[in-house]
Amino acid sequence: MRLRADVSVADTDYGQVLLDERTGHYWQLNPTGVVVVRALLDGADEDAAVAALTSTYSVGEAQARQDVSALVEGLRGAGLVTA
């Protein structure tokens, strides 16, 4: 997965912000979202992103899988990422 070329990323005290430069919309990622997005942008698949989330935070695998899936669907639905 990759961010579109016109999506900017900025680290914040509370996670990250993704800016869709086409629309001007911001998307706030909390720290758990940052772990997932970084893993995916580094080439991990969703299973590896789940593993990264469960190893970083005290969250069960089922919840992590649901969270990763929801985040990926949200990013795709917003048009922020490419395959």
Protein backbone atom coordinates (compact mmCIF):
# COMPACT_ATOMS: atom_id res chain seq x y z
CA MET A 1 0.00 0.00 0.00
CA ARG A 2 1.18 3.53 -0.77
CA LEU A 3 -0.15 6.98 -0.07
CA ARG A 4 -1.15 8.89 -3.18
CA ALA A 5 1.51 11.36 -4.31
CA ASP A 6 -0.70 14.29 -3.29
CA VAL A 7 -1.15 13.13 0.31
CA SER A 8 1.17 14.74 2.85
CA VAL A 9 2.02 13.31 6.28
CA ALA A 10 2.88 15.29 9.39
CA ASP A 11 3.76 13.90 12.80
CA THR A 12 1.93 15.47 15.73
CA ASP A 13 2.08 15.08 19.51
CA TYR A 14 -0.91 12.73 19.26
CA GLY A 15 -0.10 10.68 16.17
CA GLN A 16 -0.06 11.80 12.57
CA VAL A 17 -2.12 13.89 10.21
CA LEU A 18 -2.67 12.97 6.59
CA LEU A 19 -3.52 15.91 4.31
CA ASP A 20 -5.29 15.26 1.04
CA GLU A 21 -3.86 18.15 -0.97
CA ARG A 22 -6.56 17.79 -3.65
CA THR A 23 -9.44 18.41 -1.26
CA GLY A 24 -7.78 20.06 1.72
CA HIS A 25 -9.22 17.42 4.06
CA TYR A 26 -7.17 16.28 7.05
CA TRP A 27 -7.24 12.79 8.54
CA GLN A 28 -5.98 12.39 12.12
CA LEU A 29 -4.32 9.08 13.00
CA ASN A 30 -3.97 8.19 16.67
CA PRO A 31 -0.82 6.35 17.80
CA THR A 32 -2.30 2.93 17.04
CA GLY A 33 -3.27 4.10 13.56
CA VAL A 34 0.28 5.32 13.05
CA VAL A 35 1.67 1.86 13.86
CA VAL A 36 -0.67 0.27 11.33
CA VAL A 37 -0.08 2.81 8.55
CA ARG A 38 3.69 2.75 8.99
CA ALA A 39 3.72 -1.03 8.79
CA LEU A 40 1.59 -1.01 5.65
CA LEU A 41 3.61 1.74 3.99
CA ASP A 42 6.78 -0.23 4.78
CA GLY A 43 5.39 -3.09 2.69
CA ALA A 44 3.69 -5.19 5.35
CA ASP A 45 0.42 -6.92 4.58
CA GLU A 46 -2.58 -6.66 6.88
CA ASP A 47 -1.51 -9.74 8.89
CA ALA A 48 1.87 -8.17 9.61
CA ALA A 49 0.17 -4.88 10.53
CA VAL A 50 -2.00 -6.81 13.02
CA ALA A 51 1.15 -8.37 14.49
CA ALA A 52 2.80 -4.93 14.75
CA LEU A 53 -0.25 -3.58 16.55
CA THR A 54 -0.52 -6.46 19.03
CA SER A 55 3.21 -6.36 19.77
CA THR A 56 3.15 -2.60 20.40
CA TYR A 57 -0.12 -2.26 22.32
CA SER A 58 -2.10 -4.41 24.71
CA VAL A 59 -4.81 -5.40 22.26
CA GLY A 60 -6.11 -8.81 21.32
CA GLU A 61 -5.60 -10.21 17.84
CA ALA A 62 -9.31 -10.19 16.95
CA GLN A 63 -9.70 -6.52 17.90
CA ALA A 64 -6.45 -5.60 16.15
CA ARG A 65 -7.58 -7.37 12.98
CA GLN A 66 -10.89 -5.52 13.06
CA ASP A 67 -9.13 -2.19 13.64
CA VAL A 68 -6.60 -2.75 10.84
CA SER A 69 -9.34 -3.75 8.44
CA ALA A 70 -11.47 -0.71 9.32
CA LEU A 71 -8.50 1.65 8.94
CA VAL A 72 -7.51 0.20 5.56
CA GLU A 73 -11.10 0.43 4.32
CA GLY A 74 -11.27 4.02 5.53
CA LEU A 75 -8.03 5.00 3.81
CA ARG A 76 -9.16 3.36 0.57
CA GLY A 77 -12.63 4.83 0.81
CA ALA A 78 -11.17 8.31 1.27
CA GLY A 79 -8.95 7.75 -1.76
CA LEU A 80 -5.76 8.37 0.21
CA VAL A 81 -3.94 5.20 -0.83
CA THR A 82 -3.17 3.10 -3.85
CA ALA A 83 -2.87 -0.65 -3.90
